[in-house]
Amino acid sequence: MGLEFGQIVTQIIGFLIAILILKRFAWKPLLSMLEERRTKIKAEFDTIVEEKKKTEDLYVDYEKKLQEIDSLARVKIQEAAREGQKMADEIKEEARKEAREIVYKTREDVERDIEKAKVQLRDEVISMTMQITEKLIGEKLDEEKDKKLVARFVDDIKQGKVEGLK
C-alpha cells in the first residue's frame, strides 16, 4: 500500500473544510457560549464580593452601635448612681434636720419642765417655811404677807444674799 498523493491532498482539503465549517458554525457559538459563561461567573463573583463588603460594613456598623449602646448604658448607670446618691444625701439631711428639731423641742420641753419644777419647789418651800414659822411662832400670821415675805426670802437665797443657804 502506498501513499497516494491525491488521496492525501483530498483528505487535507476535507480536513480544512471541516475545520472551516466547525469554526464558522460550531467554534464561534461554542466560544461565545464559553465567554458568556465566563462573564456570568465573573459577575456572580463580583456580586459575592460586593455582598461580602456590605456584610462587613454592616458588621462594623453593628459593632459601633453596640459600643454606643454600651457607652450609653454606662452613662445611664452613672447618672442613676449619682441620682441615688443625691437622694440618699437628701434623705440624710432631712433626717438630720428632723433630729435637730426633735433635740431642740426636747430641750425646750425639759427647760419648761425645769421651770415648772422650780416654781413648784419654790411654792412648796414657801408653804413648808410658813408651816414651820407658824409652829415656831405658835400663831397664824397674815397669809398674804407671809407668802410675800417667804417669797422674798427664797429669792434672796437664789441670789445668794443669805449666807450659808446656798
C-alpha atoms as a PDB file:
ATOM      1  CA  MET A   1       0.000   0.000   0.000  1.00  0.00           C
ATOM      2  CA  GLY A   2       1.435   3.073  -0.962  1.00  0.00           C
ATOM      3  CA  LEU A   3       0.628   6.535  -0.208  1.00  0.00           C
ATOM      4  CA  GLU A   4      -1.259   8.234  -2.825  1.00  0.00           C
ATOM      5  CA  PHE A   5      -0.695  11.846  -3.205  1.00  0.00           C
ATOM      6  CA  GLY A   6      -4.230  12.641  -4.415  1.00  0.00           C
ATOM      7  CA  GLN A   7      -5.811  10.896  -1.549  1.00  0.00           C
ATOM      8  CA  ILE A   8      -3.639  12.787   0.967  1.00  0.00           C
ATOM      9  CA  VAL A   9      -4.455  16.114  -0.669  1.00  0.00           C
ATOM     10  CA  THR A  10      -8.163  15.228  -0.672  1.00  0.00           C
ATOM     11  CA  GLN A  11      -8.039  14.342   2.994  1.00  0.00           C
ATOM     12  CA  ILE A  12      -6.151  17.548   3.831  1.00  0.00           C
ATOM     13  CA  ILE A  13      -8.702  19.607   1.868  1.00  0.00           C
ATOM     14  CA  GLY A  14     -11.573  17.758   3.571  1.00  0.00           C
ATOM     15  CA  PHE A  15      -9.958  18.315   6.961  1.00  0.00           C
ATOM     16  CA  LEU A  16      -9.541  22.033   6.233  1.00  0.00           C
ATOM     17  CA  ILE A  17     -13.163  22.304   5.036  1.00  0.00           C
ATOM     18  CA  ALA A  18     -14.291  20.508   8.178  1.00  0.00           C
ATOM     19  CA  ILE A  19     -12.250  22.921  10.309  1.00  0.00           C
ATOM     20  CA  LEU A  20     -13.711  25.917   8.473  1.00  0.00           C
ATOM     21  CA  ILE A  21     -17.260  24.593   8.866  1.00  0.00           C
ATOM     22  CA  LEU A  22     -16.663  23.849  12.559  1.00  0.00           C
ATOM     23  CA  LYS A  23     -15.056  27.249  13.044  1.00  0.00           C
ATOM     24  CA  ARG A  24     -17.944  29.028  11.434  1.00  0.00           C
ATOM     25  CA  PHE A  25     -20.880  27.024  12.824  1.00  0.00           C
ATOM     26  CA  ALA A  26     -19.587  25.368  15.991  1.00  0.00           C
ATOM     27  CA  TRP A  27     -16.419  27.103  17.228  1.00  0.00           C
ATOM     28  CA  LYS A  28     -17.731  30.689  17.364  1.00  0.00           C
ATOM     29  CA  PRO A  29     -21.010  29.742  19.112  1.00  0.00           C
ATOM     30  CA  LEU A  30     -19.052  27.489  21.455  1.00  0.00           C
ATOM     31  CA  LEU A  31     -16.542  30.279  22.216  1.00  0.00           C
ATOM     32  CA  SER A  32     -19.283  32.872  22.628  1.00  0.00           C
ATOM     33  CA  MET A  33     -21.142  30.498  24.952  1.00  0.00           C
ATOM     34  CA  LEU A  34     -17.940  29.953  26.968  1.00  0.00           C
ATOM     35  CA  GLU A  35     -17.296  33.726  27.037  1.00  0.00           C
ATOM     36  CA  GLU A  36     -20.879  34.323  28.152  1.00  0.00           C
ATOM     37  CA  ARG A  37     -20.495  31.753  30.921  1.00  0.00           C
ATOM     38  CA  ARG A  38     -17.154  33.295  31.971  1.00  0.00           C
ATOM     39  CA  THR A  39     -18.784  36.760  32.103  1.00  0.00           C
ATOM     40  CA  LYS A  40     -21.720  35.389  34.118  1.00  0.00           C
ATOM     41  CA  ILE A  41     -19.370  33.676  36.611  1.00  0.00           C
ATOM     42  CA  LYS A  42     -17.278  36.862  36.920  1.00  0.00           C
ATOM     43  CA  ALA A  43     -20.460  38.904  37.526  1.00  0.00           C
ATOM     44  CA  GLU A  44     -21.536  36.427  40.219  1.00  0.00           C
ATOM     45  CA  PHE A  45     -18.095  36.668  41.864  1.00  0.00           C
ATOM     46  CA  ASP A  46     -18.316  40.460  41.746  1.00  0.00           C
ATOM     47  CA  THR A  47     -21.786  40.282  43.315  1.00  0.00           C
ATOM     48  CA  ILE A  48     -20.432  37.975  46.031  1.00  0.00           C
ATOM     49  CA  VAL A  49     -17.547  40.362  46.715  1.00  0.00           C
ATOM     50  CA  GLU A  50     -19.973  43.307  46.922  1.00  0.00           C
ATOM     51  CA  GLU A  51     -22.285  41.387  49.265  1.00  0.00           C
ATOM     52  CA  LYS A  52     -19.305  40.415  51.409  1.00  0.00           C
ATOM     53  CA  LYS A  53     -18.214  44.061  51.592  1.00  0.00           C
ATOM     54  CA  LYS A  54     -21.772  45.119  52.503  1.00  0.00           C
ATOM     55  CA  THR A  55     -21.851  42.421  55.165  1.00  0.00           C
ATOM     56  CA  GLU A  56     -18.535  43.625  56.574  1.00  0.00           C
ATOM     57  CA  ASP A  57     -19.812  47.219  56.572  1.00  0.00           C
ATOM     58  CA  LEU A  58     -22.966  46.105  58.374  1.00  0.00           C
ATOM     59  CA  TYR A  59     -20.837  44.215  60.889  1.00  0.00           C
ATOM     60  CA  VAL A  60     -18.698  47.326  61.515  1.00  0.00           C
ATOM     61  CA  ASP A  61     -21.873  49.433  61.930  1.00  0.00           C
ATOM     62  CA  TYR A  62     -23.284  46.798  64.261  1.00  0.00           C
ATOM     63  CA  GLU A  63     -20.110  46.861  66.383  1.00  0.00           C
ATOM     64  CA  LYS A  64     -20.176  50.670  66.520  1.00  0.00           C
ATOM     65  CA  LYS A  65     -23.818  50.662  67.595  1.00  0.00           C
ATOM     66  CA  LEU A  66     -23.085  48.061  70.251  1.00  0.00           C
ATOM     67  CA  GLN A  67     -20.264  50.244  71.575  1.00  0.00           C
ATOM     68  CA  GLU A  68     -22.552  53.298  71.553  1.00  0.00           C
ATOM     69  CA  ILE A  69     -25.251  51.354  73.376  1.00  0.00           C
ATOM     70  CA  ASP A  70     -22.686  50.096  75.886  1.00  0.00           C
ATOM     71  CA  SER A  71     -21.374  53.635  76.432  1.00  0.00           C
ATOM     72  CA  LEU A  72     -24.909  54.972  76.778  1.00  0.00           C
ATOM     73  CA  ALA A  73     -25.733  52.219  79.266  1.00  0.00           C
ATOM     74  CA  ARG A  74     -22.653  53.128  81.343  1.00  0.00           C
ATOM     75  CA  VAL A  75     -23.659  56.795  81.271  1.00  0.00           C
ATOM     76  CA  LYS A  76     -27.223  55.930  82.337  1.00  0.00           C
ATOM     77  CA  ILE A  77     -25.919  53.729  85.157  1.00  0.00           C
ATOM     78  CA  GLN A  78     -23.615  56.515  86.342  1.00  0.00           C
ATOM     79  CA  GLU A  79     -26.488  59.020  86.195  1.00  0.00           C
ATOM     80  CA  ALA A  80     -28.700  56.648  88.156  1.00  0.00           C
ATOM     81  CA  ALA A  81     -25.945  56.153  90.741  1.00  0.00           C
ATOM     82  CA  ARG A  82     -25.480  59.918  91.074  1.00  0.00           C
ATOM     83  CA  GLU A  83     -29.223  60.409  91.389  1.00  0.00           C
ATOM     84  CA  GLY A  84     -29.386  57.665  94.023  1.00  0.00           C
ATOM     85  CA  GLN A  85     -26.523  59.261  95.950  1.00  0.00           C
ATOM     86  CA  LYS A  86     -28.234  62.637  95.718  1.00  0.00           C
ATOM     87  CA  MET A  87     -31.481  61.167  97.036  1.00  0.00           C
ATOM     88  CA  ALA A  88     -29.584  59.425  99.852  1.00  0.00           C
ATOM     89  CA  ASP A  89     -27.887  62.697 100.766  1.00  0.00           C
ATOM     90  CA  GLU A  90     -31.247  64.492 100.751  1.00  0.00           C
ATOM     91  CA  ILE A  91     -32.762  61.794 102.973  1.00  0.00           C
ATOM     92  CA  LYS A  92     -29.797  62.020 105.369  1.00  0.00           C
ATOM     93  CA  GLU A  93     -30.042  65.810 105.500  1.00  0.00           C
ATOM     94  CA  GLU A  94     -33.789  65.614 106.133  1.00  0.00           C
ATOM     95  CA  ALA A  95     -33.176  63.075 108.931  1.00  0.00           C
ATOM     96  CA  ARG A  96     -30.522  65.332 110.478  1.00  0.00           C
ATOM     97  CA  LYS A  97     -32.879  68.290 110.285  1.00  0.00           C
ATOM     98  CA  GLU A  98     -35.673  66.303 111.941  1.00  0.00           C
ATOM     99  CA  ALA A  99     -33.242  65.081 114.625  1.00  0.00           C
ATOM    100  CA  ARG A 100     -32.136  68.666 115.344  1.00  0.00           C
ATOM    101  CA  GLU A 101     -35.780  69.741 115.593  1.00  0.00           C
ATOM    102  CA  ILE A 102     -36.521  66.872 117.976  1.00  0.00           C
ATOM    103  CA  VAL A 103     -33.480  67.749 120.120  1.00  0.00           C
ATOM    104  CA  TYR A 104     -34.447  71.436 120.135  1.00  0.00           C
ATOM    105  CA  LYS A 105     -38.051  70.625 121.066  1.00  0.00           C
ATOM    106  CA  THR A 106     -36.904  68.213 123.758  1.00  0.00           C
ATOM    107  CA  ARG A 107     -34.593  70.864 125.212  1.00  0.00           C
ATOM    108  CA  GLU A 108     -37.433  73.356 125.258  1.00  0.00           C
ATOM    109  CA  ASP A 109     -39.692  70.786 126.946  1.00  0.00           C
ATOM    110  CA  VAL A 110     -37.005  69.961 129.517  1.00  0.00           C
ATOM    111  CA  GLU A 111     -36.356  73.647 130.224  1.00  0.00           C
ATOM    112  CA  ARG A 112     -40.098  74.254 130.574  1.00  0.00           C
ATOM    113  CA  ASP A 113     -40.390  71.274 132.931  1.00  0.00           C
ATOM    114  CA  ILE A 114     -37.388  72.523 134.932  1.00  0.00           C
ATOM    115  CA  GLU A 115     -39.014  75.957 135.254  1.00  0.00           C
ATOM    116  CA  LYS A 116     -42.269  74.325 136.337  1.00  0.00           C
ATOM    117  CA  ALA A 117     -40.387  72.203 138.860  1.00  0.00           C
ATOM    118  CA  LYS A 118     -38.563  75.292 140.182  1.00  0.00           C
ATOM    119  CA  VAL A 119     -41.843  77.159 140.603  1.00  0.00           C
ATOM    120  CA  GLN A 120     -43.439  74.149 142.232  1.00  0.00           C
ATOM    121  CA  LEU A 121     -40.418  73.648 144.503  1.00  0.00           C
ATOM    122  CA  ARG A 122     -40.443  77.337 145.389  1.00  0.00           C
ATOM    123  CA  ASP A 123     -44.142  77.148 146.266  1.00  0.00           C
ATOM    124  CA  GLU A 124     -43.549  74.030 148.357  1.00  0.00           C
ATOM    125  CA  VAL A 125     -40.580  75.658 150.122  1.00  0.00           C
ATOM    126  CA  ILE A 126     -42.748  78.715 150.874  1.00  0.00           C
ATOM    127  CA  SER A 127     -45.544  76.504 152.126  1.00  0.00           C
ATOM    128  CA  MET A 128     -43.196  74.447 154.319  1.00  0.00           C
ATOM    129  CA  THR A 129     -41.472  77.579 155.589  1.00  0.00           C
ATOM    130  CA  MET A 130     -44.833  79.061 156.532  1.00  0.00           C
ATOM    131  CA  GLN A 131     -45.817  75.913 158.332  1.00  0.00           C
ATOM    132  CA  ILE A 132     -42.527  75.849 160.201  1.00  0.00           C
ATOM    133  CA  THR A 133     -42.804  79.544 161.034  1.00  0.00           C
ATOM    134  CA  GLU A 134     -46.371  79.086 162.287  1.00  0.00           C
ATOM    135  CA  LYS A 135     -45.299  76.303 164.511  1.00  0.00           C
ATOM    136  CA  LEU A 136     -42.344  78.301 165.776  1.00  0.00           C
ATOM    137  CA  ILE A 137     -44.343  81.405 166.490  1.00  0.00           C
ATOM    138  CA  GLY A 138     -47.339  79.442 167.532  1.00  0.00           C
ATOM    139  CA  GLU A 139     -49.822  81.600 165.872  1.00  0.00           C
ATOM    140  CA  LYS A 140     -51.173  82.179 162.397  1.00  0.00           C
ATOM    141  CA  LEU A 141     -49.792  85.190 160.589  1.00  0.00           C
ATOM    142  CA  ASP A 142     -51.411  87.099 157.731  1.00  0.00           C
ATOM    143  CA  GLU A 143     -51.213  84.600 154.893  1.00  0.00           C
ATOM    144  CA  GLU A 144     -50.705  87.142 152.056  1.00  0.00           C
ATOM    145  CA  LYS A 145     -47.963  88.996 153.899  1.00  0.00           C
ATOM    146  CA  ASP A 146     -46.342  85.715 154.902  1.00  0.00           C
ATOM    147  CA  LYS A 147     -46.225  84.466 151.322  1.00  0.00           C
ATOM    148  CA  LYS A 148     -44.652  87.694 150.136  1.00  0.00           C
ATOM    149  CA  LEU A 149     -42.124  87.603 152.963  1.00  0.00           C
ATOM    150  CA  VAL A 150     -41.177  83.977 152.309  1.00  0.00           C
ATOM    151  CA  ALA A 151     -41.063  84.519 148.507  1.00  0.00           C
ATOM    152  CA  ARG A 152     -38.691  87.431 149.059  1.00  0.00           C
ATOM    153  CA  PHE A 153     -36.610  85.240 151.363  1.00  0.00           C
ATOM    154  CA  VAL A 154     -36.440  82.414 148.760  1.00  0.00           C
ATOM    155  CA  ASP A 155     -35.457  84.926 146.069  1.00  0.00           C
ATOM    156  CA  ASP A 156     -32.709  86.197 148.358  1.00  0.00           C
ATOM    157  CA  ILE A 157     -31.497  82.617 148.791  1.00  0.00           C
ATOM    158  CA  LYS A 158     -31.436  82.138 144.998  1.00  0.00           C
ATOM    159  CA  GLN A 159     -29.455  85.323 144.508  1.00  0.00           C
ATOM    160  CA  GLY A 160     -27.021  84.362 147.251  1.00  0.00           C
ATOM    161  CA  LYS A 161     -27.878  87.243 149.601  1.00  0.00           C
ATOM    162  CA  VAL A 162     -28.467  84.902 152.540  1.00  0.00           C
ATOM    163  CA  GLU A 163     -25.271  83.400 153.918  1.00  0.00           C
ATOM    164  CA  GLY A 164     -24.945  79.647 154.498  1.00  0.00           C
ATOM    165  CA  LEU A 165     -28.044  78.623 152.461  1.00  0.00           C
ATOM    166  CA  LYS A 166     -26.565  78.415 149.009  1.00  0.00           C
END
